[in-house]
Amino acid sequence: MPASEKPAQIQLGPHRVELGADGILSMTVVGTMELPEAERFAQEMLAFQEQHPKALLILNMAQVKTVKPESRKVIIEGVRKRPYPVCFVQASFALRALMGLMLNAQRILGNDTPHAFVDTEADARAWAKTVQKTWLPPPAY
């Protein structure tokens, strides 16, 4: 990949975020998602969506322990303000259940955005490219 196409990277505590020029934000969560990290993520995602209206999130969960309840609330609020599709990579059964609860909360709030659970980053990117072609984001609030 040429240097001009390499995604910008930021650190949110132990978590790594890559902001792709293709409109894909990829985040690797390590350990526990704490409130300050969730708040910063929500800010970064909203800013990314300003540049990429059809932005998607690939969330690598291979190293996640948990997402604290207050962090979940902040993330759900951000998605409510400006929905985006998300693809979960290597989520354990427990994390799939937790993410399912968060997705259901979004749906109840009127945001039924595309999502998927996959085993590899390559599968996530293929899913993201397909969704980018067909998904129309609702107007920003």
N, C-alpha and C. Protein backbone atom coordinates (compact mmCIF):
# COMPACT_ATOMS: atom_id res chain seq x y z
N MET A 1 0.85 -1.18 0.00
CA MET A 1 0.00 0.00 0.00
C MET A 1 0.89 1.23 0.00
N PRO A 2 0.70 2.15 -0.94
CA PRO A 2 1.50 3.37 -0.96
C PRO A 2 1.28 4.19 0.31
N ALA A 3 2.30 4.96 0.69
CA ALA A 3 2.21 5.76 1.92
C ALA A 3 0.99 6.67 1.91
N SER A 4 0.61 7.19 0.74
CA SER A 4 -0.53 8.10 0.65
C SER A 4 -1.85 7.39 0.95
N GLU A 5 -1.89 6.05 0.85
CA GLU A 5 -3.11 5.30 1.09
C GLU A 5 -3.15 4.69 2.48
N LYS A 6 -2.05 4.79 3.24
CA LYS A 6 -2.04 4.22 4.58
C LYS A 6 -3.00 4.99 5.46
N PRO A 7 -3.78 4.24 6.26
CA PRO A 7 -4.74 4.93 7.12
C PRO A 7 -4.05 5.72 8.23
N ALA A 8 -4.66 6.83 8.58
CA ALA A 8 -4.18 7.57 9.75
C ALA A 8 -4.48 6.72 10.97
N GLN A 9 -3.62 6.79 11.98
CA GLN A 9 -3.80 5.99 13.18
C GLN A 9 -3.84 6.88 14.42
N ILE A 10 -4.67 6.47 15.35
CA ILE A 10 -4.71 7.13 16.66
C ILE A 10 -4.78 6.05 17.72
N GLN A 11 -4.35 6.38 18.92
CA GLN A 11 -4.43 5.48 20.07
C GLN A 11 -5.48 6.02 21.04
N LEU A 12 -6.32 5.14 21.51
CA LEU A 12 -7.28 5.46 22.57
C LEU A 12 -6.94 4.54 23.73
N GLY A 13 -6.01 4.97 24.57
CA GLY A 13 -5.51 4.07 25.62
C GLY A 13 -4.85 2.89 24.94
N PRO A 14 -5.23 1.66 25.28
CA PRO A 14 -4.62 0.50 24.65
C PRO A 14 -5.23 0.15 23.28
N HIS A 15 -6.27 0.85 22.88
CA HIS A 15 -7.01 0.54 21.66
C HIS A 15 -6.43 1.32 20.47
N ARG A 16 -6.34 0.63 19.32
CA ARG A 16 -5.80 1.25 18.11
C ARG A 16 -6.93 1.51 17.12
N VAL A 17 -6.92 2.70 16.53
CA VAL A 17 -7.92 3.10 15.56
C VAL A 17 -7.22 3.49 14.27
N GLU A 18 -7.70 2.95 13.15
CA GLU A 18 -7.20 3.33 11.83
C GLU A 18 -8.33 4.00 11.07
N LEU A 19 -8.04 5.20 10.56
CA LEU A 19 -9.02 6.00 9.83
C LEU A 19 -8.69 5.91 8.35
N GLY A 20 -9.39 5.05 7.64
CA GLY A 20 -9.08 4.80 6.24
C GLY A 20 -9.65 5.83 5.30
N ALA A 21 -8.90 6.14 4.25
CA ALA A 21 -9.36 7.06 3.22
C ALA A 21 -10.57 6.50 2.47
N ASP A 22 -10.79 5.19 2.61
CA ASP A 22 -11.92 4.53 1.94
C ASP A 22 -13.22 4.63 2.74
N GLY A 23 -13.21 5.34 3.87
CA GLY A 23 -14.41 5.50 4.67
C GLY A 23 -14.61 4.39 5.69
N ILE A 24 -13.59 3.56 5.86
CA ILE A 24 -13.66 2.48 6.86
C ILE A 24 -12.79 2.85 8.04
N LEU A 25 -13.43 2.92 9.21
CA LEU A 25 -12.71 3.12 10.46
C LEU A 25 -12.57 1.74 11.09
N SER A 26 -11.35 1.36 11.36
CA SER A 26 -11.07 0.04 11.94
C SER A 26 -10.50 0.23 13.33
N MET A 27 -11.09 -0.45 14.31
CA MET A 27 -10.66 -0.31 15.69
C MET A 27 -10.36 -1.68 16.28
N THR A 28 -9.21 -1.79 16.93
CA THR A 28 -8.86 -2.98 17.68
C THR A 28 -8.96 -2.64 19.15
N VAL A 29 -9.89 -3.29 19.83
CA VAL A 29 -10.10 -3.04 21.25
C VAL A 29 -9.30 -4.07 22.04
N VAL A 30 -8.53 -3.57 23.01
CA VAL A 30 -7.69 -4.44 23.84
C VAL A 30 -8.12 -4.27 25.30
N GLY A 31 -8.53 -5.36 25.91
CA GLY A 31 -8.92 -5.31 27.31
C GLY A 31 -10.32 -4.75 27.49
N THR A 32 -10.45 -3.74 28.33
CA THR A 32 -11.73 -3.15 28.68
C THR A 32 -11.87 -1.77 28.06
N MET A 33 -13.04 -1.49 27.50
CA MET A 33 -13.32 -0.16 26.96
C MET A 33 -13.82 0.70 28.11
N GLU A 34 -12.99 1.65 28.52
CA GLU A 34 -13.31 2.57 29.62
C GLU A 34 -14.06 3.79 29.09
N LEU A 35 -14.70 4.52 29.97
CA LEU A 35 -15.50 5.68 29.58
C LEU A 35 -14.71 6.74 28.82
N PRO A 36 -13.53 7.19 29.26
CA PRO A 36 -12.83 8.23 28.50
C PRO A 36 -12.48 7.77 27.08
N GLU A 37 -12.17 6.49 26.92
CA GLU A 37 -11.86 5.95 25.60
C GLU A 37 -13.11 5.92 24.72
N ALA A 38 -14.25 5.54 25.31
CA ALA A 38 -15.50 5.52 24.56
C ALA A 38 -15.90 6.92 24.12
N GLU A 39 -15.72 7.90 25.01
CA GLU A 39 -16.05 9.29 24.67
C GLU A 39 -15.18 9.77 23.52
N ARG A 40 -13.90 9.48 23.58
CA ARG A 40 -12.99 9.90 22.50
C ARG A 40 -13.32 9.18 21.20
N PHE A 41 -13.64 7.88 21.29
CA PHE A 41 -14.03 7.14 20.09
C PHE A 41 -15.26 7.78 19.45
N ALA A 42 -16.27 8.09 20.26
CA ALA A 42 -17.50 8.69 19.72
C ALA A 42 -17.19 10.01 19.02
N GLN A 43 -16.30 10.82 19.59
CA GLN A 43 -15.90 12.08 18.95
C GLN A 43 -15.17 11.82 17.64
N GLU A 44 -14.25 10.88 17.65
CA GLU A 44 -13.47 10.56 16.44
C GLU A 44 -14.38 10.03 15.34
N MET A 45 -15.35 9.18 15.72
CA MET A 45 -16.25 8.61 14.71
C MET A 45 -17.11 9.70 14.10
N LEU A 46 -17.63 10.61 14.91
CA LEU A 46 -18.44 11.70 14.37
C LEU A 46 -17.62 12.58 13.42
N ALA A 47 -16.38 12.87 13.79
CA ALA A 47 -15.51 13.67 12.92
C ALA A 47 -15.21 12.92 11.62
N PHE A 48 -14.99 11.62 11.73
CA PHE A 48 -14.72 10.79 10.55
C PHE A 48 -15.93 10.78 9.61
N GLN A 49 -17.13 10.72 10.20
CA GLN A 49 -18.35 10.72 9.40
C GLN A 49 -18.57 12.05 8.67
N GLU A 50 -18.04 13.13 9.22
CA GLU A 50 -18.13 14.42 8.53
C GLU A 50 -17.40 14.35 7.19
N GLN A 51 -16.29 13.63 7.15
CA GLN A 51 -15.50 13.49 5.92
C GLN A 51 -15.99 12.32 5.06
N HIS A 52 -16.60 11.32 5.70
CA HIS A 52 -17.05 10.11 5.01
C HIS A 52 -18.49 9.81 5.43
N PRO A 53 -19.49 10.40 4.76
CA PRO A 53 -20.88 10.22 5.17
C PRO A 53 -21.34 8.75 5.21
N LYS A 54 -20.71 7.88 4.41
CA LYS A 54 -21.08 6.47 4.42
C LYS A 54 -20.04 5.65 5.20
N ALA A 55 -19.49 6.25 6.26
CA ALA A 55 -18.47 5.59 7.07
C ALA A 55 -19.00 4.31 7.70
N LEU A 56 -18.10 3.35 7.84
CA LEU A 56 -18.41 2.07 8.49
C LEU A 56 -17.35 1.81 9.53
N LEU A 57 -17.70 0.98 10.50
CA LEU A 57 -16.78 0.58 11.56
C LEU A 57 -16.50 -0.91 11.47
N ILE A 58 -15.22 -1.26 11.47
CA ILE A 58 -14.80 -2.65 11.66
C ILE A 58 -14.21 -2.70 13.05
N LEU A 59 -14.77 -3.55 13.90
CA LEU A 59 -14.38 -3.62 15.30
C LEU A 59 -13.77 -4.99 15.58
N ASN A 60 -12.45 -5.01 15.74
CA ASN A 60 -11.75 -6.25 16.05
C ASN A 60 -11.86 -6.50 17.56
N MET A 61 -12.50 -7.60 17.91
CA MET A 61 -12.80 -7.87 19.32
C MET A 61 -12.03 -9.08 19.86
N ALA A 62 -11.00 -9.49 19.17
CA ALA A 62 -10.25 -10.68 19.57
C ALA A 62 -9.63 -10.55 20.96
N GLN A 63 -9.31 -9.31 21.39
CA GLN A 63 -8.64 -9.10 22.66
C GLN A 63 -9.49 -8.35 23.69
N VAL A 64 -10.80 -8.28 23.45
CA VAL A 64 -11.69 -7.54 24.34
C VAL A 64 -12.03 -8.37 25.57
N LYS A 65 -12.01 -7.71 26.73
CA LYS A 65 -12.52 -8.33 27.95
C LYS A 65 -13.99 -7.94 28.10
N THR A 66 -14.26 -6.62 28.10
CA THR A 66 -15.63 -6.14 28.21
C THR A 66 -15.70 -4.68 27.80
N VAL A 67 -16.91 -4.20 27.66
CA VAL A 67 -17.19 -2.79 27.43
C VAL A 67 -18.04 -2.35 28.61
N LYS A 68 -17.52 -1.42 29.40
CA LYS A 68 -18.22 -0.98 30.62
C LYS A 68 -19.58 -0.37 30.26
N PRO A 69 -20.56 -0.53 31.16
CA PRO A 69 -21.90 -0.01 30.88
C PRO A 69 -21.94 1.47 30.50
N GLU A 70 -21.17 2.30 31.20
CA GLU A 70 -21.17 3.73 30.87
C GLU A 70 -20.55 3.97 29.49
N SER A 71 -19.62 3.12 29.09
CA SER A 71 -19.02 3.22 27.76
C SER A 71 -20.04 2.82 26.69
N ARG A 72 -20.80 1.77 26.97
CA ARG A 72 -21.85 1.34 26.03
C ARG A 72 -22.85 2.45 25.81
N LYS A 73 -23.23 3.14 26.89
CA LYS A 73 -24.20 4.23 26.79
C LYS A 73 -23.69 5.34 25.87
N VAL A 74 -22.42 5.71 26.03
CA VAL A 74 -21.82 6.76 25.20
C VAL A 74 -21.79 6.34 23.73
N ILE A 75 -21.41 5.09 23.48
CA ILE A 75 -21.33 4.60 22.11
C ILE A 75 -22.72 4.56 21.48
N ILE A 76 -23.71 4.06 22.21
CA ILE A 76 -25.07 4.01 21.68
C ILE A 76 -25.59 5.42 21.38
N GLU A 77 -25.29 6.37 22.24
CA GLU A 77 -25.71 7.75 22.01
C GLU A 77 -25.08 8.31 20.73
N GLY A 78 -23.80 8.01 20.50
CA GLY A 78 -23.14 8.46 19.28
C GLY A 78 -23.76 7.85 18.03
N VAL A 79 -24.09 6.58 18.10
CA VAL A 79 -24.73 5.91 16.96
C VAL A 79 -26.13 6.46 16.74
N ARG A 80 -26.80 6.81 17.82
CA ARG A 80 -28.14 7.39 17.69
C ARG A 80 -28.08 8.73 16.96
N LYS A 81 -27.07 9.53 17.28
CA LYS A 81 -26.90 10.84 16.63
C LYS A 81 -26.59 10.69 15.15
N ARG A 82 -25.72 9.74 14.85
CA ARG A 82 -25.29 9.56 13.46
C ARG A 82 -24.96 8.08 13.23
N PRO A 83 -25.97 7.31 12.80
CA PRO A 83 -25.79 5.86 12.65
C PRO A 83 -24.71 5.48 11.63
N TYR A 84 -24.13 4.31 11.86
CA TYR A 84 -23.14 3.74 10.94
C TYR A 84 -23.16 2.22 11.05
N PRO A 85 -22.92 1.53 9.94
CA PRO A 85 -22.83 0.07 9.98
C PRO A 85 -21.58 -0.37 10.74
N VAL A 86 -21.66 -1.55 11.33
CA VAL A 86 -20.51 -2.06 12.08
C VAL A 86 -20.36 -3.56 11.82
N CYS A 87 -19.11 -3.97 11.67
CA CYS A 87 -18.79 -5.38 11.50
C CYS A 87 -17.86 -5.79 12.64
N PHE A 88 -18.27 -6.81 13.38
CA PHE A 88 -17.52 -7.29 14.53
C PHE A 88 -16.64 -8.47 14.10
N VAL A 89 -15.35 -8.38 14.39
CA VAL A 89 -14.41 -9.43 14.01
C VAL A 89 -14.00 -10.20 15.27
N GLN A 90 -14.09 -11.51 15.21
CA GLN A 90 -13.66 -12.41 16.27
C GLN A 90 -14.28 -12.10 17.63
N ALA A 91 -15.57 -11.85 17.64
CA ALA A 91 -16.27 -11.61 18.90
C ALA A 91 -16.62 -12.95 19.54
N SER A 92 -16.34 -13.07 20.81
CA SER A 92 -16.69 -14.28 21.55
C SER A 92 -18.22 -14.37 21.67
N PHE A 93 -18.69 -15.53 22.12
CA PHE A 93 -20.13 -15.69 22.30
C PHE A 93 -20.68 -14.64 23.27
N ALA A 94 -19.98 -14.42 24.39
CA ALA A 94 -20.44 -13.44 25.38
C ALA A 94 -20.47 -12.03 24.78
N LEU A 95 -19.46 -11.68 23.99
CA LEU A 95 -19.43 -10.35 23.38
C LEU A 95 -20.48 -10.22 22.28
N ARG A 96 -20.74 -11.31 21.57
CA ARG A 96 -21.81 -11.27 20.57
C ARG A 96 -23.15 -10.97 21.26
N ALA A 97 -23.36 -11.61 22.41
CA ALA A 97 -24.60 -11.36 23.16
C ALA A 97 -24.66 -9.91 23.62
N LEU A 98 -23.56 -9.39 24.14
CA LEU A 98 -23.51 -8.00 24.60
C LEU A 98 -23.73 -7.03 23.44
N MET A 99 -23.07 -7.28 22.31
CA MET A 99 -23.24 -6.41 21.15
C MET A 99 -24.66 -6.52 20.61
N GLY A 100 -25.24 -7.72 20.71
CA GLY A 100 -26.63 -7.89 20.29
C GLY A 100 -27.57 -7.02 21.11
N LEU A 101 -27.31 -6.92 22.42
CA LEU A 101 -28.12 -6.04 23.27
C LEU A 101 -27.96 -4.57 22.85
N MET A 102 -26.73 -4.18 22.55
CA MET A 102 -26.50 -2.79 22.12
C MET A 102 -27.19 -2.51 20.78
N LEU A 103 -27.10 -3.47 19.85
CA LEU A 103 -27.75 -3.31 18.55
C LEU A 103 -29.27 -3.25 18.71
N ASN A 104 -29.80 -4.05 19.64
CA ASN A 104 -31.24 -4.02 19.89
C ASN A 104 -31.66 -2.68 20.47
N ALA A 105 -30.84 -2.12 21.34
CA ALA A 105 -31.12 -0.78 21.88
C ALA A 105 -31.16 0.25 20.75
N GLN A 106 -30.23 0.13 19.82
CA GLN A 106 -30.24 1.04 18.66
C GLN A 106 -31.52 0.88 17.86
N ARG A 107 -31.90 -0.38 17.61
CA ARG A 107 -33.10 -0.65 16.82
C ARG A 107 -34.33 -0.05 17.50
N ILE A 108 -34.44 -0.23 18.82
CA ILE A 108 -35.57 0.32 19.58
C ILE A 108 -35.60 1.85 19.45
N LEU A 109 -34.42 2.47 19.39
CA LEU A 109 -34.33 3.93 19.25
C LEU A 109 -34.53 4.38 17.80
N GLY A 110 -34.78 3.44 16.91
CA GLY A 110 -35.07 3.78 15.52
C GLY A 110 -33.89 3.70 14.57
N ASN A 111 -32.76 3.16 15.02
CA ASN A 111 -31.57 3.05 14.17
C ASN A 111 -31.26 1.58 13.91
N ASP A 112 -31.79 1.07 12.82
CA ASP A 112 -31.55 -0.33 12.47
C ASP A 112 -30.51 -0.37 11.35
N THR A 113 -29.25 -0.23 11.73
CA THR A 113 -28.18 -0.18 10.74
C THR A 113 -27.61 -1.56 10.48
N PRO A 114 -26.99 -1.76 9.31
CA PRO A 114 -26.39 -3.06 9.00
C PRO A 114 -25.27 -3.41 9.98
N HIS A 115 -25.19 -4.70 10.27
CA HIS A 115 -24.11 -5.21 11.12
C HIS A 115 -23.84 -6.66 10.75
N ALA A 116 -22.67 -7.13 11.12
CA ALA A 116 -22.30 -8.52 10.86
C ALA A 116 -21.26 -8.97 11.88
N PHE A 117 -21.19 -10.26 12.07
CA PHE A 117 -20.16 -10.89 12.90
C PHE A 117 -19.37 -11.80 11.97
N VAL A 118 -18.05 -11.60 11.89
CA VAL A 118 -17.21 -12.39 11.00
C VAL A 118 -15.96 -12.87 11.75
N ASP A 119 -15.22 -13.76 11.09
CA ASP A 119 -14.03 -14.34 11.73
C ASP A 119 -12.73 -13.64 11.36
N THR A 120 -12.69 -12.95 10.21
CA THR A 120 -11.43 -12.37 9.77
C THR A 120 -11.59 -10.91 9.33
N GLU A 121 -10.49 -10.19 9.38
CA GLU A 121 -10.46 -8.81 8.90
C GLU A 121 -10.81 -8.76 7.40
N ALA A 122 -10.32 -9.74 6.64
CA ALA A 122 -10.61 -9.78 5.20
C ALA A 122 -12.12 -9.92 4.96
N ASP A 123 -12.77 -10.79 5.73
CA ASP A 123 -14.23 -10.93 5.61
C ASP A 123 -14.93 -9.63 5.98
N ALA A 124 -14.43 -8.95 7.00
CA ALA A 124 -15.02 -7.68 7.43
C ALA A 124 -14.89 -6.63 6.33
N ARG A 125 -13.73 -6.55 5.71
CA ARG A 125 -13.52 -5.55 4.64
C ARG A 125 -14.40 -5.86 3.43
N ALA A 126 -14.55 -7.13 3.10
CA ALA A 126 -15.43 -7.49 1.98
C ALA A 126 -16.87 -7.10 2.30
N TRP A 127 -17.32 -7.38 3.52
CA TRP A 127 -18.65 -6.99 3.95
C TRP A 127 -18.81 -5.48 3.87
N ALA A 128 -17.81 -4.74 4.37
CA ALA A 128 -17.87 -3.28 4.39
C ALA A 128 -17.99 -2.71 2.98
N LYS A 129 -17.22 -3.24 2.05
CA LYS A 129 -17.27 -2.73 0.67
C LYS A 129 -18.65 -2.96 0.06
N THR A 130 -19.26 -4.10 0.35
CA THR A 130 -20.61 -4.38 -0.16
C THR A 130 -21.63 -3.43 0.46
N VAL A 131 -21.55 -3.23 1.76
CA VAL A 131 -22.50 -2.36 2.46
C VAL A 131 -22.34 -0.91 1.99
N GLN A 132 -21.11 -0.48 1.78
CA GLN A 132 -20.88 0.91 1.32
C GLN A 132 -21.60 1.17 0.00
N LYS A 133 -21.72 0.18 -0.84
CA LYS A 133 -22.37 0.35 -2.14
C LYS A 133 -23.87 0.49 -2.03
N THR A 134 -24.47 -0.09 -0.98
CA THR A 134 -25.93 -0.16 -0.93
C THR A 134 -26.58 0.62 0.22
N TRP A 135 -25.83 0.87 1.30
CA TRP A 135 -26.43 1.49 2.47
C TRP A 135 -26.51 3.00 2.30
N LEU A 136 -27.67 3.55 2.64
CA LEU A 136 -27.85 4.99 2.62
C LEU A 136 -28.02 5.48 4.06
N PRO A 137 -27.07 6.28 4.54
CA PRO A 137 -27.20 6.78 5.91
C PRO A 137 -28.36 7.74 6.05
N PRO A 138 -29.02 7.71 7.20
CA PRO A 138 -30.08 8.71 7.43
C PRO A 138 -29.45 10.08 7.61
N PRO A 139 -30.23 11.13 7.47
CA PRO A 139 -29.69 12.47 7.69
C PRO A 139 -29.12 12.60 9.10
N ALA A 140 -28.06 13.37 9.24
CA ALA A 140 -27.46 13.61 10.57
C ALA A 140 -28.42 14.46 11.39
N TYR A 141 -28.45 14.19 12.70
CA TYR A 141 -29.33 14.97 13.60
C TYR A 141 -28.62 16.21 14.04
